[in-house]
Structures are given as structure tokens and as C-alpha cells.
C-alpha atoms as a PDB file:
ATOM      1  CA  MET A   1      -5.809  -0.415 -39.586  1.00  0.00           C
ATOM      2  CA  THR A   2      -6.028  -3.538 -37.408  1.00  0.00           C
ATOM      3  CA  VAL A   3      -8.677  -3.318 -34.702  1.00  0.00           C
ATOM      4  CA  PRO A   4      -7.051  -3.682 -31.253  1.00  0.00           C
ATOM      5  CA  VAL A   5      -8.100  -6.570 -29.026  1.00  0.00           C
ATOM      6  CA  PHE A   6      -8.530  -6.426 -25.248  1.00  0.00           C
ATOM      7  CA  LEU A   7      -9.443  -9.092 -22.723  1.00  0.00           C
ATOM      8  CA  ALA A   8     -12.624  -8.807 -20.668  1.00  0.00           C
ATOM      9  CA  ARG A   9     -14.535 -11.216 -18.466  1.00  0.00           C
ATOM     10  CA  GLU A  10     -17.967  -9.633 -18.975  1.00  0.00           C
ATOM     11  CA  LEU A  11     -19.146  -9.376 -22.576  1.00  0.00           C
ATOM     12  CA  GLY A  12     -22.939  -9.317 -22.161  1.00  0.00           C
ATOM     13  CA  GLY A  13     -25.201  -6.333 -22.755  1.00  0.00           C
ATOM     14  CA  ALA A  14     -25.379  -3.455 -25.250  1.00  0.00           C
ATOM     15  CA  GLU A  15     -22.903  -1.307 -23.315  1.00  0.00           C
ATOM     16  CA  LEU A  16     -19.606  -2.328 -21.729  1.00  0.00           C
ATOM     17  CA  THR A  17     -16.932  -0.678 -19.596  1.00  0.00           C
ATOM     18  CA  LEU A  18     -13.335  -1.728 -20.123  1.00  0.00           C
ATOM     19  CA  ASP A  19     -11.494  -0.927 -16.893  1.00  0.00           C
ATOM     20  CA  GLY A  20      -8.675  -2.343 -14.773  1.00  0.00           C
ATOM     21  CA  PRO A  21      -5.266  -2.915 -16.401  1.00  0.00           C
ATOM     22  CA  GLU A  22      -6.843  -3.441 -19.839  1.00  0.00           C
ATOM     23  CA  GLY A  23      -8.827  -0.211 -19.645  1.00  0.00           C
ATOM     24  CA  ARG A  24      -5.805   1.707 -18.374  1.00  0.00           C
ATOM     25  CA  HIS A  25      -3.708   0.416 -21.264  1.00  0.00           C
ATOM     26  CA  ALA A  26      -6.414   1.279 -23.812  1.00  0.00           C
ATOM     27  CA  ALA A  27      -7.013   4.805 -22.461  1.00  0.00           C
ATOM     28  CA  SER A  28      -3.547   5.868 -21.317  1.00  0.00           C
ATOM     29  CA  VAL A  29      -1.103   3.879 -23.476  1.00  0.00           C
ATOM     30  CA  ARG A  30      -3.001   3.228 -26.720  1.00  0.00           C
ATOM     31  CA  ARG A  31      -4.806   6.583 -26.311  1.00  0.00           C
ATOM     32  CA  LEU A  32      -7.957   5.375 -28.011  1.00  0.00           C
ATOM     33  CA  ARG A  33     -10.577   8.006 -28.754  1.00  0.00           C
ATOM     34  CA  ALA A  34     -14.358   8.177 -29.085  1.00  0.00           C
ATOM     35  CA  GLY A  35     -15.569   6.638 -32.332  1.00  0.00           C
ATOM     36  CA  GLU A  36     -12.684   4.152 -32.659  1.00  0.00           C
ATOM     37  CA  ARG A  37     -13.298   0.419 -32.987  1.00  0.00           C
ATOM     38  CA  VAL A  38     -12.106  -2.195 -30.483  1.00  0.00           C
ATOM     39  CA  ASP A  39     -12.781  -5.907 -30.027  1.00  0.00           C
ATOM     40  CA  LEU A  40     -13.185  -7.496 -26.611  1.00  0.00           C
ATOM     41  CA  THR A  41     -12.738 -11.221 -26.017  1.00  0.00           C
ATOM     42  CA  ASP A  42     -12.868 -13.559 -23.056  1.00  0.00           C
ATOM     43  CA  GLY A  43      -9.997 -15.580 -24.546  1.00  0.00           C
ATOM     44  CA  VAL A  44     -12.115 -18.696 -25.055  1.00  0.00           C
ATOM     45  CA  GLY A  45     -13.928 -17.780 -28.264  1.00  0.00           C
ATOM     46  CA  THR A  46     -16.478 -15.068 -27.464  1.00  0.00           C
ATOM     47  CA  VAL A  47     -15.960 -11.716 -29.228  1.00  0.00           C
ATOM     48  CA  ALA A  48     -17.758  -8.399 -28.728  1.00  0.00           C
ATOM     49  CA  GLU A  49     -17.268  -5.843 -31.498  1.00  0.00           C
ATOM     50  CA  CYS A  50     -17.375  -2.384 -29.950  1.00  0.00           C
ATOM     51  CA  VAL A  51     -17.099   1.330 -30.645  1.00  0.00           C
ATOM     52  CA  VAL A  52     -15.603   3.675 -28.043  1.00  0.00           C
ATOM     53  CA  ARG A  53     -18.320   5.982 -26.739  1.00  0.00           C
ATOM     54  CA  GLU A  54     -16.342   7.741 -24.013  1.00  0.00           C
ATOM     55  CA  VAL A  55     -12.757   7.756 -22.758  1.00  0.00           C
ATOM     56  CA  LEU A  56     -12.282   8.048 -18.995  1.00  0.00           C
ATOM     57  CA  LYS A  57      -9.014   8.432 -17.122  1.00  0.00           C
ATOM     58  CA  ASP A  58      -8.306   4.702 -16.875  1.00  0.00           C
ATOM     59  CA  ALA A  59     -11.253   3.135 -18.698  1.00  0.00           C
ATOM     60  CA  LEU A  60     -13.357   3.090 -21.848  1.00  0.00           C
ATOM     61  CA  ARG A  61     -17.125   3.116 -22.163  1.00  0.00           C
ATOM     62  CA  LEU A  62     -18.126   1.080 -25.191  1.00  0.00           C
ATOM     63  CA  ASP A  63     -21.171   0.458 -27.368  1.00  0.00           C
ATOM     64  CA  VAL A  64     -21.474  -3.133 -28.570  1.00  0.00           C
ATOM     65  CA  ILE A  65     -22.234  -3.315 -32.306  1.00  0.00           C
ATOM     66  CA  GLY A  66     -21.849  -7.059 -32.764  1.00  0.00           C
ATOM     67  CA  ARG A  67     -21.125 -10.291 -30.945  1.00  0.00           C
ATOM     68  CA  TYR A  68     -20.052 -13.701 -32.215  1.00  0.00           C
ATOM     69  CA  GLU A  69     -18.361 -16.973 -31.278  1.00  0.00           C
ATOM     70  CA  VAL A  70     -15.128 -18.319 -32.786  1.00  0.00           C
ATOM     71  CA  ALA A  71     -14.848 -22.110 -32.838  1.00  0.00           C
ATOM     72  CA  ALA A  72     -11.721 -23.662 -31.351  1.00  0.00           C
ATOM     73  CA  PRO A  73      -9.366 -24.802 -34.145  1.00  0.00           C
ATOM     74  CA  GLN A  74      -8.856 -28.479 -34.926  1.00  0.00           C
ATOM     75  CA  PRO A  75      -6.691 -30.455 -34.678  1.00  0.00           C
ATOM     76  CA  ARG A  76      -5.346 -28.939 -31.486  1.00  0.00           C
ATOM     77  CA  LEU A  77      -1.594 -28.331 -31.372  1.00  0.00           C
ATOM     78  CA  VAL A  78       0.165 -28.954 -28.050  1.00  0.00           C
ATOM     79  CA  VAL A  79       3.876 -28.180 -27.650  1.00  0.00           C
ATOM     80  CA  VAL A  80       5.830 -29.644 -24.744  1.00  0.00           C
ATOM     81  CA  GLN A  81       8.681 -27.165 -24.321  1.00  0.00           C
ATOM     82  CA  GLY A  82      11.884 -28.130 -22.525  1.00  0.00           C
ATOM     83  CA  LEU A  83      12.764 -25.188 -20.272  1.00  0.00           C
ATOM     84  CA  PRO A  84      15.176 -22.873 -22.155  1.00  0.00           C
ATOM     85  CA  LYS A  85      17.850 -20.730 -20.545  1.00  0.00           C
ATOM     86  CA  GLY A  86      17.220 -17.130 -19.498  1.00  0.00           C
ATOM     87  CA  ASP A  87      14.515 -15.166 -21.268  1.00  0.00           C
ATOM     88  CA  ARG A  88      14.426 -17.560 -24.228  1.00  0.00           C
ATOM     89  CA  GLY A  89      11.460 -19.259 -22.602  1.00  0.00           C
ATOM     90  CA  GLU A  90       9.359 -16.124 -23.010  1.00  0.00           C
ATOM     91  CA  LEU A  91      10.637 -15.772 -26.586  1.00  0.00           C
ATOM     92  CA  ALA A  92       9.501 -19.316 -27.376  1.00  0.00           C
ATOM     93  CA  VAL A  93       6.083 -18.716 -25.814  1.00  0.00           C
ATOM     94  CA  GLU A  94       5.638 -15.431 -27.678  1.00  0.00           C
ATOM     95  CA  MET A  95       6.451 -16.919 -31.079  1.00  0.00           C
ATOM     96  CA  MET A  96       4.370 -20.062 -30.560  1.00  0.00           C
ATOM     97  CA  THR A  97       1.414 -17.954 -29.437  1.00  0.00           C
ATOM     98  CA  GLU A  98       1.672 -15.744 -32.515  1.00  0.00           C
ATOM     99  CA  ALA A  99       1.858 -18.832 -34.732  1.00  0.00           C
ATOM    100  CA  GLY A 100      -1.246 -20.432 -33.214  1.00  0.00           C
ATOM    101  CA  VAL A 101      -0.105 -23.130 -30.763  1.00  0.00           C
ATOM    102  CA  ASP A 102      -3.053 -24.049 -28.532  1.00  0.00           C
ATOM    103  CA  VAL A 103      -1.351 -25.473 -25.427  1.00  0.00           C
ATOM    104  CA  ILE A 104       2.190 -24.910 -24.146  1.00  0.00           C
ATOM    105  CA  VAL A 105       3.527 -27.360 -21.560  1.00  0.00           C
ATOM    106  CA  PRO A 106       6.708 -26.416 -19.648  1.00  0.00           C
ATOM    107  CA  TRP A 107       8.834 -29.532 -19.255  1.00  0.00           C
ATOM    108  CA  ALA A 108      11.684 -30.023 -16.777  1.00  0.00           C
ATOM    109  CA  ALA A 109      13.725 -32.339 -19.003  1.00  0.00           C
ATOM    110  CA  ALA A 110      16.799 -34.137 -17.709  1.00  0.00           C
ATOM    111  CA  ARG A 111      19.197 -31.873 -19.614  1.00  0.00           C
ATOM    112  CA  CYS A 112      17.489 -28.589 -18.792  1.00  0.00           C
ATOM    113  CA  VAL A 113      19.996 -26.058 -17.469  1.00  0.00           C
ATOM    114  CA  THR A 114      17.108 -24.005 -16.117  1.00  0.00           C
ATOM    115  CA  GLN A 115      15.123 -25.668 -13.344  1.00  0.00           C
ATOM    116  CA  TRP A 116      11.909 -24.304 -11.858  1.00  0.00           C
ATOM    117  CA  LYS A 117      12.003 -25.116  -8.149  1.00  0.00           C
ATOM    118  CA  GLY A 118      10.404 -23.443  -5.156  1.00  0.00           C
ATOM    119  CA  ASP A 119       9.507 -19.817  -5.872  1.00  0.00           C
ATOM    120  CA  LYS A 120      10.815 -20.137  -9.442  1.00  0.00           C
ATOM    121  CA  VAL A 121       7.770 -22.219 -10.415  1.00  0.00           C
ATOM    122  CA  ALA A 122       5.264 -19.445  -9.771  1.00  0.00           C
ATOM    123  CA  LYS A 123       7.595 -16.797 -11.202  1.00  0.00           C
ATOM    124  CA  GLY A 124       8.291 -18.776 -14.365  1.00  0.00           C
ATOM    125  CA  LEU A 125       4.632 -19.593 -14.937  1.00  0.00           C
ATOM    126  CA  HIS A 126       3.646 -15.954 -14.405  1.00  0.00           C
ATOM    127  CA  LYS A 127       6.144 -14.821 -17.042  1.00  0.00           C
ATOM    128  CA  TRP A 128       5.079 -17.452 -19.569  1.00  0.00           C
ATOM    129  CA  ARG A 129       1.351 -16.838 -19.029  1.00  0.00           C
ATOM    130  CA  SER A 130       1.725 -13.046 -19.196  1.00  0.00           C
ATOM    131  CA  THR A 131       3.737 -13.408 -22.398  1.00  0.00           C
ATOM    132  CA  ALA A 132       1.086 -15.688 -23.927  1.00  0.00           C
ATOM    133  CA  ARG A 133      -1.702 -13.300 -22.964  1.00  0.00           C
ATOM    134  CA  GLU A 134      -0.031 -10.222 -24.454  1.00  0.00           C
ATOM    135  CA  ALA A 135       1.147 -12.034 -27.587  1.00  0.00           C
ATOM    136  CA  GLY A 136      -2.344 -13.453 -28.073  1.00  0.00           C
ATOM    137  CA  LYS A 137      -3.907  -9.995 -28.021  1.00  0.00           C
ATOM    138  CA  GLN A 138      -1.285  -8.656 -30.422  1.00  0.00           C
ATOM    139  CA  ALA A 139      -1.983 -11.564 -32.780  1.00  0.00           C
ATOM    140  CA  ARG A 140      -5.788 -11.041 -32.493  1.00  0.00           C
ATOM    141  CA  ARG A 141      -6.309 -14.505 -31.087  1.00  0.00           C
ATOM    142  CA  PHE A 142      -9.762 -15.093 -29.651  1.00  0.00           C
ATOM    143  CA  HIS A 143      -8.702 -18.439 -28.166  1.00  0.00           C
ATOM    144  CA  LEU A 144      -5.670 -17.705 -26.018  1.00  0.00           C
ATOM    145  CA  PRO A 145      -3.175 -20.538 -25.553  1.00  0.00           C
ATOM    146  CA  GLU A 146      -3.157 -22.449 -22.292  1.00  0.00           C
ATOM    147  CA  VAL A 147       0.166 -22.521 -20.441  1.00  0.00           C
ATOM    148  CA  THR A 148      -0.104 -25.531 -18.151  1.00  0.00           C
ATOM    149  CA  GLU A 149       1.623 -26.345 -14.906  1.00  0.00           C
ATOM    150  CA  PRO A 150       5.162 -27.727 -15.366  1.00  0.00           C
ATOM    151  CA  ALA A 151       5.157 -31.379 -16.449  1.00  0.00           C
ATOM    152  CA  THR A 152       7.426 -34.201 -15.378  1.00  0.00           C
ATOM    153  CA  THR A 153       8.697 -36.713 -17.920  1.00  0.00           C
ATOM    154  CA  ALA A 154       6.092 -39.203 -16.686  1.00  0.00           C
ATOM    155  CA  GLN A 155       3.341 -36.652 -17.285  1.00  0.00           C
ATOM    156  CA  VAL A 156       4.666 -35.985 -20.787  1.00  0.00           C
ATOM    157  CA  GLU A 157       4.519 -39.756 -21.421  1.00  0.00           C
ATOM    158  CA  ALA A 158       0.839 -39.763 -20.411  1.00  0.00           C
ATOM    159  CA  LEU A 159       0.152 -36.762 -22.629  1.00  0.00           C
ATOM    160  CA  LEU A 160       1.723 -38.502 -25.623  1.00  0.00           C
ATOM    161  CA  ALA A 161      -0.112 -41.763 -24.935  1.00  0.00           C
ATOM    162  CA  GLY A 162      -3.466 -39.960 -24.987  1.00  0.00           C
ATOM    163  CA  ALA A 163      -2.784 -37.865 -28.100  1.00  0.00           C
ATOM    164  CA  ALA A 164      -4.120 -38.460 -31.593  1.00  0.00           C
ATOM    165  CA  LEU A 165      -0.473 -38.112 -32.652  1.00  0.00           C
ATOM    166  CA  GLY A 166       2.670 -37.733 -30.559  1.00  0.00           C
ATOM    167  CA  LEU A 167       5.898 -36.390 -32.063  1.00  0.00           C
ATOM    168  CA  VAL A 168       9.393 -35.884 -30.664  1.00  0.00           C
ATOM    169  CA  LEU A 169      11.800 -33.574 -32.468  1.00  0.00           C
ATOM    170  CA  HIS A 170      15.107 -35.414 -32.695  1.00  0.00           C
ATOM    171  CA  GLU A 171      18.216 -34.755 -34.787  1.00  0.00           C
ATOM    172  CA  GLU A 172      18.791 -38.466 -35.451  1.00  0.00           C
ATOM    173  CA  ALA A 173      15.248 -39.284 -36.548  1.00  0.00           C
ATOM    174  CA  ALA A 174      14.786 -40.814 -40.010  1.00  0.00           C
ATOM    175  CA  GLU A 175      11.289 -39.505 -40.762  1.00  0.00           C
ATOM    176  CA  PRO A 176      10.891 -35.801 -41.635  1.00  0.00           C
ATOM    177  CA  LEU A 177       8.170 -33.829 -39.874  1.00  0.00           C
ATOM    178  CA  SER A 178       6.852 -32.763 -43.272  1.00  0.00           C
ATOM    179  CA  GLY A 179       6.083 -36.369 -44.224  1.00  0.00           C
ATOM    180  CA  VAL A 180       4.380 -37.825 -41.159  1.00  0.00           C
ATOM    181  CA  ALA A 181       0.656 -38.661 -41.518  1.00  0.00           C
ATOM    182  CA  LEU A 182      -1.541 -36.252 -39.528  1.00  0.00           C
ATOM    183  CA  PRO A 183      -4.919 -36.813 -37.837  1.00  0.00           C
ATOM    184  CA  ALA A 184      -7.975 -34.758 -38.813  1.00  0.00           C
ATOM    185  CA  GLY A 185      -8.850 -34.036 -35.197  1.00  0.00           C
ATOM    186  CA  GLY A 186      -7.745 -34.537 -31.613  1.00  0.00           C
ATOM    187  CA  ASP A 187      -4.423 -33.412 -30.166  1.00  0.00           C
ATOM    188  CA  ILE A 188      -1.093 -33.328 -31.946  1.00  0.00           C
ATOM    189  CA  VAL A 189       1.555 -33.260 -29.213  1.00  0.00           C
ATOM    190  CA  VAL A 190       5.078 -32.158 -30.147  1.00  0.00           C
ATOM    191  CA  VAL A 191       7.976 -32.542 -27.713  1.00  0.00           C
ATOM    192  CA  VAL A 192      10.793 -29.988 -27.990  1.00  0.00           C
ATOM    193  CA  GLY A 193      13.878 -30.886 -25.982  1.00  0.00           C
ATOM    194  CA  PRO A 194      16.096 -28.421 -24.088  1.00  0.00           C
ATOM    195  CA  GLU A 195      19.465 -27.054 -25.253  1.00  0.00           C
ATOM    196  CA  GLY A 196      21.165 -30.369 -24.448  1.00  0.00           C
ATOM    197  CA  GLY A 197      18.566 -32.393 -26.316  1.00  0.00           C
ATOM    198  CA  VAL A 198      16.363 -35.326 -25.363  1.00  0.00           C
ATOM    199  CA  THR A 199      18.165 -38.145 -23.547  1.00  0.00           C
ATOM    200  CA  GLU A 200      18.078 -41.733 -24.809  1.00  0.00           C
ATOM    201  CA  ASP A 201      15.994 -42.745 -21.794  1.00  0.00           C
ATOM    202  CA  GLU A 202      13.463 -39.973 -22.447  1.00  0.00           C
ATOM    203  CA  LEU A 203      13.281 -40.877 -26.126  1.00  0.00           C
ATOM    204  CA  GLU A 204      12.672 -44.560 -25.390  1.00  0.00           C
ATOM    205  CA  ARG A 205       9.966 -43.715 -22.864  1.00  0.00           C
ATOM    206  CA  PHE A 206       8.245 -41.406 -25.342  1.00  0.00           C
ATOM    207  CA  LYS A 207       8.449 -44.012 -28.132  1.00  0.00           C
ATOM    208  CA  ALA A 208       6.849 -46.523 -25.765  1.00  0.00           C
ATOM    209  CA  ALA A 209       4.010 -43.987 -25.366  1.00  0.00           C
ATOM    210  CA  LYS A 210       3.407 -44.131 -29.174  1.00  0.00           C
ATOM    211  CA  ALA A 211       5.383 -40.968 -30.012  1.00  0.00           C
ATOM    212  CA  VAL A 212       7.141 -40.788 -33.377  1.00  0.00           C
ATOM    213  CA  PRO A 213      10.660 -39.272 -33.556  1.00  0.00           C
ATOM    214  CA  VAL A 214      10.765 -36.748 -36.418  1.00  0.00           C
ATOM    215  CA  LEU A 215      13.436 -34.647 -38.069  1.00  0.00           C
ATOM    216  CA  LEU A 216      13.029 -30.894 -38.455  1.00  0.00           C
ATOM    217  CA  GLY A 217      15.395 -30.174 -41.334  1.00  0.00           C
ATOM    218  CA  THR A 218      19.151 -30.655 -41.584  1.00  0.00           C
ATOM    219  CA  THR A 219      20.115 -27.682 -39.418  1.00  0.00           C
ATOM    220  CA  VAL A 220      20.068 -27.625 -35.620  1.00  0.00           C
ATOM    221  CA  LEU A 221      17.579 -25.115 -34.231  1.00  0.00           C
ATOM    222  CA  ARG A 222      17.715 -23.676 -30.740  1.00  0.00           C
ATOM    223  CA  THR A 223      15.055 -24.961 -28.381  1.00  0.00           C
ATOM    224  CA  SER A 224      13.441 -21.519 -28.322  1.00  0.00           C
ATOM    225  CA  THR A 225      12.866 -21.550 -32.101  1.00  0.00           C
ATOM    226  CA  ALA A 226      12.279 -25.255 -32.794  1.00  0.00           C
ATOM    227  CA  GLY A 227       8.725 -25.143 -31.413  1.00  0.00           C
ATOM    228  CA  VAL A 228       7.534 -22.330 -33.668  1.00  0.00           C
ATOM    229  CA  ALA A 229       9.265 -23.906 -36.685  1.00  0.00           C
ATOM    230  CA  ALA A 230       7.522 -27.222 -36.033  1.00  0.00           C
ATOM    231  CA  ALA A 231       4.228 -25.418 -35.477  1.00  0.00           C
ATOM    232  CA  ALA A 232       4.555 -23.658 -38.838  1.00  0.00           C
ATOM    233  CA  VAL A 233       4.990 -26.997 -40.624  1.00  0.00           C
ATOM    234  CA  LEU A 234       2.066 -28.636 -38.823  1.00  0.00           C
ATOM    235  CA  LEU A 235      -0.333 -25.694 -39.047  1.00  0.00           C
ATOM    236  CA  THR A 236       0.281 -25.494 -42.779  1.00  0.00           C
ATOM    237  CA  ARG A 237      -0.233 -29.208 -43.331  1.00  0.00           C
ATOM    238  CA  THR A 238      -3.432 -29.372 -41.251  1.00  0.00           C
ATOM    239  CA  GLY A 239      -4.966 -26.496 -43.207  1.00  0.00           C
ATOM    240  CA  ARG A 240      -5.097 -24.155 -40.228  1.00  0.00           C
ATOM    241  CA  TRP A 241      -2.730 -21.806 -42.081  1.00  0.00           C
END
């Protein structure tokens, strides 16, 4: 049986108490019992292997039986995600988190139907970050993905210019994603356009920032699934899978 993972800020010492929302979920929803194993992580690589000593109403008291550090994977995979419609944004974040994407950048592309403005920015970010956190625990990730602030097209250009490799998924590209040469380290940045696709102006700006247009197969994927499909190809080819 897979050992459940919970997030905790404090991982030092021989005994730990898991309380707050995480402790409530472990005690009341997962109904963990004394003697069962759990892993706690801070989400940035530190792991405490624990055994439940006592179950309280909304918390667990734990004995630490081991502690270790997990190195951040290389090369780092960054996906710039054009804002999808409805709840497909959370679907994209969930799948990319499960696959192993390291950074997810919401992008307000020109053809995005959905636009985060005013109160929608904080609400959208909260949903994406909550989704990434929960999916990361489910996937037993000890380095949770970062969901950044929304990026403008100019900020995406800067991100691509500073990457070890920048890629733009485009249905008219000549080079397949499976054939592009990959770096051993640094950031691989992949741009996924919205439902309407990347505009010619956006594509030219990204190419000027050293990004390479690449083709992801002969079929047209939805924006919510293109990111995880591209991630699967890249994670396999870099040896991370």
C-alpha cells in the first residue's frame, strides 16, 4: 500500500504533530490509525518518514523513523499554459503536476477566451495552486510544482530568452518535439497556446527569443491536454521517466 504524503512546515525533531487542515484530513477523512506509516514533506525536498503514535480529533502525533533530502530534478521543466476555458485550467494543472512538471506559468495569451482580471486573478491562482498542492501529494511528489503569477507575453519572451531551451507547440511547425535536441540541465520552457492557438505575432516574438516551434503529433490536442502530452515526451527523453 502506498504511504500517504502530507505537507508540513516543521519537520525537525524525533516527534511531530500534524495538525491544521492536513491533520484534520489525515485523522477525520483518511482515518489513519496508530501504527500506520505516513510521510511528511515541506514540498521543497525534505522528507520525514513517520509512524502514527496517536490519533487526536483533528491531528496526528507522529514518531519520526527517518529523514532524508530529495534533490530537485534536472533539467527543470517549465510549462507556460495559455488560460483554458472553465475548469480545464485545473485539469491541466492536475495532470501536469502528476506527470512531474516543475513550474506552471499561467499566460494571458491574445486568443484566450478566459481572462484573469481584478478579483479573478487571486481566485484563479488559488484554484491552480490548490490543485497543484493536492495533486502533488497524491503523486507523492516531494518537490511541489510552482504556480507563478500570471505572465504577459513580454514576460514569456523573457522566460524563453533565459531558458536552456525554449519550445512553442505549434500545429504548423516542421520539427517534431520528439526530435529536438535537449539540454542536460537548466530550464526547458514549453509554451502551450490557448484554444484559439498562438497568434503569428506571438510566434514571431517567441522565435526572436530563441524559442523553437515544434509539432506534437498529427492530431490537434486541447490546450488542457497538450501540456501533459508534451511533458510526457520530454520527461522520457531527458531520463526523468
